[in-house]
């Protein structure tokens, strides 16, 4: 078989690699839920900014657009995790690390935000644990330092 006919390591069929681990699927679901929550929050801010009586219309619209754009990171990461792409773990981990300060700030706010802060912190920590798990790492084909393919 020539090198032109050999599949690349990234193109390994999911069936050949075995079933997707539950931990990897759970991490993808959590990242997807975070992305969907950002989209919903962003759309709500946009609608409120355009139809309601916000303190600052421009600020509400800008915040809404920002949230929708930020939602792309966890949504793309979730899709990549489900497809078992090794690149997807980085954006997923970054999303969780960015969620932790947001959760902390929600916990410091008024009583209406505390449950949201608790939920976000639990999801972010759970997703981080799932993403750094050895089973997830193996399923994504990520190798540690000194273990590169030859």
C-alpha atoms as a PDB file:
ATOM      1  CA  UNK A   1       0.000   0.000   0.000  1.00  0.00           C
ATOM      2  CA  UNK A   2       1.476   3.340  -1.008  1.00  0.00           C
ATOM      3  CA  UNK A   3       1.550   6.328   1.273  1.00  0.00           C
ATOM      4  CA  UNK A   4      -1.169   7.932  -0.861  1.00  0.00           C
ATOM      5  CA  UNK A   5      -3.512   5.021  -0.058  1.00  0.00           C
ATOM      6  CA  UNK A   6      -2.881   4.875   3.691  1.00  0.00           C
ATOM      7  CA  UNK A   7      -5.484   6.633   5.810  1.00  0.00           C
ATOM      8  CA  UNK A   8      -4.164   9.333   8.077  1.00  0.00           C
ATOM      9  CA  UNK A   9      -4.334   8.710  11.848  1.00  0.00           C
ATOM     10  CA  UNK A  10      -6.981  11.456  12.060  1.00  0.00           C
ATOM     11  CA  UNK A  11      -9.176   9.634   9.519  1.00  0.00           C
ATOM     12  CA  UNK A  12      -9.586   6.454  11.566  1.00  0.00           C
ATOM     13  CA  UNK A  13     -13.187   5.284  11.389  1.00  0.00           C
ATOM     14  CA  UNK A  14     -15.064   5.416  14.687  1.00  0.00           C
ATOM     15  CA  UNK A  15     -16.065   1.760  14.275  1.00  0.00           C
ATOM     16  CA  UNK A  16     -12.410   0.732  13.951  1.00  0.00           C
ATOM     17  CA  UNK A  17     -11.512   2.642  17.109  1.00  0.00           C
ATOM     18  CA  UNK A  18     -14.328   1.049  19.091  1.00  0.00           C
ATOM     19  CA  UNK A  19     -17.388   2.627  20.628  1.00  0.00           C
ATOM     20  CA  UNK A  20     -17.235   6.188  21.900  1.00  0.00           C
ATOM     21  CA  UNK A  21     -16.581   6.185  25.663  1.00  0.00           C
ATOM     22  CA  UNK A  22     -19.442   7.385  27.850  1.00  0.00           C
ATOM     23  CA  UNK A  23     -17.165   9.986  29.448  1.00  0.00           C
ATOM     24  CA  UNK A  24     -16.369  11.492  26.062  1.00  0.00           C
ATOM     25  CA  UNK A  25     -20.047  11.611  25.150  1.00  0.00           C
ATOM     26  CA  UNK A  26     -20.898  13.210  28.502  1.00  0.00           C
ATOM     27  CA  UNK A  27     -18.201  15.857  28.026  1.00  0.00           C
ATOM     28  CA  UNK A  28     -19.562  16.623  24.554  1.00  0.00           C
ATOM     29  CA  UNK A  29     -23.104  16.921  25.911  1.00  0.00           C
ATOM     30  CA  UNK A  30     -21.999  19.306  28.670  1.00  0.00           C
ATOM     31  CA  UNK A  31     -20.079  21.472  26.184  1.00  0.00           C
ATOM     32  CA  UNK A  32     -23.074  21.467  23.849  1.00  0.00           C
ATOM     33  CA  UNK A  33     -25.426  22.481  26.664  1.00  0.00           C
ATOM     34  CA  UNK A  34     -23.127  25.349  27.595  1.00  0.00           C
ATOM     35  CA  UNK A  35     -23.095  26.482  23.977  1.00  0.00           C
ATOM     36  CA  UNK A  36     -26.868  26.305  23.748  1.00  0.00           C
ATOM     37  CA  UNK A  37     -27.206  28.261  27.000  1.00  0.00           C
ATOM     38  CA  UNK A  38     -24.959  30.976  25.556  1.00  0.00           C
ATOM     39  CA  UNK A  39     -27.049  31.126  22.375  1.00  0.00           C
ATOM     40  CA  UNK A  40     -30.289  31.379  24.368  1.00  0.00           C
ATOM     41  CA  UNK A  41     -28.822  34.075  26.628  1.00  0.00           C
ATOM     42  CA  UNK A  42     -27.479  35.983  23.654  1.00  0.00           C
ATOM     43  CA  UNK A  43     -30.748  35.846  21.734  1.00  0.00           C
ATOM     44  CA  UNK A  44     -32.651  36.913  24.868  1.00  0.00           C
ATOM     45  CA  UNK A  45     -30.315  39.896  25.308  1.00  0.00           C
ATOM     46  CA  UNK A  46     -30.716  40.835  21.644  1.00  0.00           C
ATOM     47  CA  UNK A  47     -34.498  40.616  21.744  1.00  0.00           C
ATOM     48  CA  UNK A  48     -34.673  42.551  25.011  1.00  0.00           C
ATOM     49  CA  UNK A  49     -32.230  45.121  23.679  1.00  0.00           C
ATOM     50  CA  UNK A  50     -34.249  45.662  20.515  1.00  0.00           C
ATOM     51  CA  UNK A  51     -37.800  45.435  21.879  1.00  0.00           C
ATOM     52  CA  UNK A  52     -37.595  46.173  25.584  1.00  0.00           C
ATOM     53  CA  UNK A  53     -36.494  49.093  27.661  1.00  0.00           C
ATOM     54  CA  UNK A  54     -32.871  48.266  28.537  1.00  0.00           C
ATOM     55  CA  UNK A  55     -30.667  50.731  30.363  1.00  0.00           C
ATOM     56  CA  UNK A  56     -28.415  50.806  27.326  1.00  0.00           C
ATOM     57  CA  UNK A  57     -29.739  49.498  24.011  1.00  0.00           C
ATOM     58  CA  UNK A  58     -26.307  49.417  22.384  1.00  0.00           C
ATOM     59  CA  UNK A  59     -24.837  47.556  25.363  1.00  0.00           C
ATOM     60  CA  UNK A  60     -27.633  44.959  25.300  1.00  0.00           C
ATOM     61  CA  UNK A  61     -27.256  44.352  21.566  1.00  0.00           C
ATOM     62  CA  UNK A  62     -23.467  44.146  21.819  1.00  0.00           C
ATOM     63  CA  UNK A  63     -23.732  41.748  24.768  1.00  0.00           C
ATOM     64  CA  UNK A  64     -26.204  39.565  22.903  1.00  0.00           C
ATOM     65  CA  UNK A  65     -24.045  39.361  19.794  1.00  0.00           C
ATOM     66  CA  UNK A  66     -20.999  38.617  21.943  1.00  0.00           C
ATOM     67  CA  UNK A  67     -22.753  35.737  23.697  1.00  0.00           C
ATOM     68  CA  UNK A  68     -23.923  34.225  20.410  1.00  0.00           C
ATOM     69  CA  UNK A  69     -20.402  34.423  18.962  1.00  0.00           C
ATOM     70  CA  UNK A  70     -18.892  32.985  22.171  1.00  0.00           C
ATOM     71  CA  UNK A  71     -21.315  30.063  21.867  1.00  0.00           C
ATOM     72  CA  UNK A  72     -19.429  28.897  18.788  1.00  0.00           C
ATOM     73  CA  UNK A  73     -16.467  27.710  20.873  1.00  0.00           C
ATOM     74  CA  UNK A  74     -18.287  25.143  23.030  1.00  0.00           C
ATOM     75  CA  UNK A  75     -20.605  24.122  20.168  1.00  0.00           C
ATOM     76  CA  UNK A  76     -17.678  23.401  17.844  1.00  0.00           C
ATOM     77  CA  UNK A  77     -15.863  21.633  20.663  1.00  0.00           C
ATOM     78  CA  UNK A  78     -18.911  19.466  21.363  1.00  0.00           C
ATOM     79  CA  UNK A  79     -19.178  18.516  17.703  1.00  0.00           C
ATOM     80  CA  UNK A  80     -15.480  17.675  17.577  1.00  0.00           C
ATOM     81  CA  UNK A  81     -15.690  15.604  20.765  1.00  0.00           C
ATOM     82  CA  UNK A  82     -18.592  13.593  19.356  1.00  0.00           C
ATOM     83  CA  UNK A  83     -16.574  13.036  16.170  1.00  0.00           C
ATOM     84  CA  UNK A  84     -13.527  12.044  18.281  1.00  0.00           C
ATOM     85  CA  UNK A  85     -11.285  14.798  16.939  1.00  0.00           C
ATOM     86  CA  UNK A  86      -8.223  15.373  19.093  1.00  0.00           C
ATOM     87  CA  UNK A  87      -8.248  19.146  18.447  1.00  0.00           C
ATOM     88  CA  UNK A  88     -11.621  19.486  20.172  1.00  0.00           C
ATOM     89  CA  UNK A  89     -10.351  18.923  23.697  1.00  0.00           C
ATOM     90  CA  UNK A  90      -8.468  22.250  23.758  1.00  0.00           C
ATOM     91  CA  UNK A  91     -11.494  24.462  23.030  1.00  0.00           C
ATOM     92  CA  UNK A  92     -13.612  22.379  25.410  1.00  0.00           C
ATOM     93  CA  UNK A  93     -11.102  22.829  28.248  1.00  0.00           C
ATOM     94  CA  UNK A  94     -10.777  26.551  27.506  1.00  0.00           C
ATOM     95  CA  UNK A  95     -14.570  26.885  27.681  1.00  0.00           C
ATOM     96  CA  UNK A  96     -14.635  25.270  31.122  1.00  0.00           C
ATOM     97  CA  UNK A  97     -11.773  27.407  32.421  1.00  0.00           C
ATOM     98  CA  UNK A  98     -13.587  30.543  31.203  1.00  0.00           C
ATOM     99  CA  UNK A  99     -16.815  29.361  32.869  1.00  0.00           C
ATOM    100  CA  UNK A 100     -15.292  29.115  36.353  1.00  0.00           C
ATOM    101  CA  UNK A 101     -14.762  32.889  36.921  1.00  0.00           C
ATOM    102  CA  UNK A 102     -18.233  33.531  35.506  1.00  0.00           C
ATOM    103  CA  UNK A 103     -19.669  31.037  37.999  1.00  0.00           C
ATOM    104  CA  UNK A 104     -17.753  32.727  40.810  1.00  0.00           C
ATOM    105  CA  UNK A 105     -19.130  36.135  39.836  1.00  0.00           C
ATOM    106  CA  UNK A 106     -22.663  34.730  39.707  1.00  0.00           C
ATOM    107  CA  UNK A 107     -22.182  33.349  43.210  1.00  0.00           C
ATOM    108  CA  UNK A 108     -21.168  36.816  44.424  1.00  0.00           C
ATOM    109  CA  UNK A 109     -24.228  38.512  42.870  1.00  0.00           C
ATOM    110  CA  UNK A 110     -27.799  38.725  44.132  1.00  0.00           C
ATOM    111  CA  UNK A 111     -29.786  35.702  45.273  1.00  0.00           C
ATOM    112  CA  UNK A 112     -31.364  35.135  41.817  1.00  0.00           C
ATOM    113  CA  UNK A 113     -27.946  34.409  40.288  1.00  0.00           C
ATOM    114  CA  UNK A 114     -26.657  32.025  42.952  1.00  0.00           C
ATOM    115  CA  UNK A 115     -28.396  28.889  41.565  1.00  0.00           C
ATOM    116  CA  UNK A 116     -27.059  29.701  38.089  1.00  0.00           C
ATOM    117  CA  UNK A 117     -23.557  30.107  39.530  1.00  0.00           C
ATOM    118  CA  UNK A 118     -23.801  26.782  41.331  1.00  0.00           C
ATOM    119  CA  UNK A 119     -25.056  25.016  38.193  1.00  0.00           C
ATOM    120  CA  UNK A 120     -22.351  26.563  36.010  1.00  0.00           C
ATOM    121  CA  UNK A 121     -19.595  25.678  38.484  1.00  0.00           C
ATOM    122  CA  UNK A 122     -20.803  22.067  38.750  1.00  0.00           C
ATOM    123  CA  UNK A 123     -21.020  21.689  34.967  1.00  0.00           C
ATOM    124  CA  UNK A 124     -17.597  23.273  34.385  1.00  0.00           C
ATOM    125  CA  UNK A 125     -15.859  21.128  36.999  1.00  0.00           C
ATOM    126  CA  UNK A 126     -17.603  17.963  35.835  1.00  0.00           C
ATOM    127  CA  UNK A 127     -16.680  18.687  32.210  1.00  0.00           C
ATOM    128  CA  UNK A 128     -13.041  19.367  33.150  1.00  0.00           C
ATOM    129  CA  UNK A 129     -12.851  16.063  35.021  1.00  0.00           C
ATOM    130  CA  UNK A 130     -14.366  14.243  32.034  1.00  0.00           C
ATOM    131  CA  UNK A 131     -12.054  15.977  29.552  1.00  0.00           C
ATOM    132  CA  UNK A 132      -8.811  15.178  31.371  1.00  0.00           C
ATOM    133  CA  UNK A 133      -9.811  11.590  32.088  1.00  0.00           C
ATOM    134  CA  UNK A 134      -7.402   8.994  30.662  1.00  0.00           C
ATOM    135  CA  UNK A 135     -10.218   7.179  28.845  1.00  0.00           C
ATOM    136  CA  UNK A 136     -11.225  10.396  27.074  1.00  0.00           C
ATOM    137  CA  UNK A 137      -7.625  11.184  26.213  1.00  0.00           C
ATOM    138  CA  UNK A 138      -7.117   7.734  24.672  1.00  0.00           C
ATOM    139  CA  UNK A 139     -10.391   7.928  22.739  1.00  0.00           C
ATOM    140  CA  UNK A 140      -9.296  11.233  21.216  1.00  0.00           C
ATOM    141  CA  UNK A 141      -5.897   9.798  20.286  1.00  0.00           C
ATOM    142  CA  UNK A 142      -4.018  12.320  22.410  1.00  0.00           C
ATOM    143  CA  UNK A 143      -0.599  11.135  23.470  1.00  0.00           C
ATOM    144  CA  UNK A 144       1.485  12.608  26.239  1.00  0.00           C
ATOM    145  CA  UNK A 145       4.958  14.091  25.867  1.00  0.00           C
ATOM    146  CA  UNK A 146       7.474  11.547  24.628  1.00  0.00           C
ATOM    147  CA  UNK A 147       4.740   9.255  23.263  1.00  0.00           C
ATOM    148  CA  UNK A 148       4.419  10.705  19.775  1.00  0.00           C
ATOM    149  CA  UNK A 149       3.681   8.438  16.836  1.00  0.00           C
ATOM    150  CA  UNK A 150       6.726   7.408  14.856  1.00  0.00           C
END
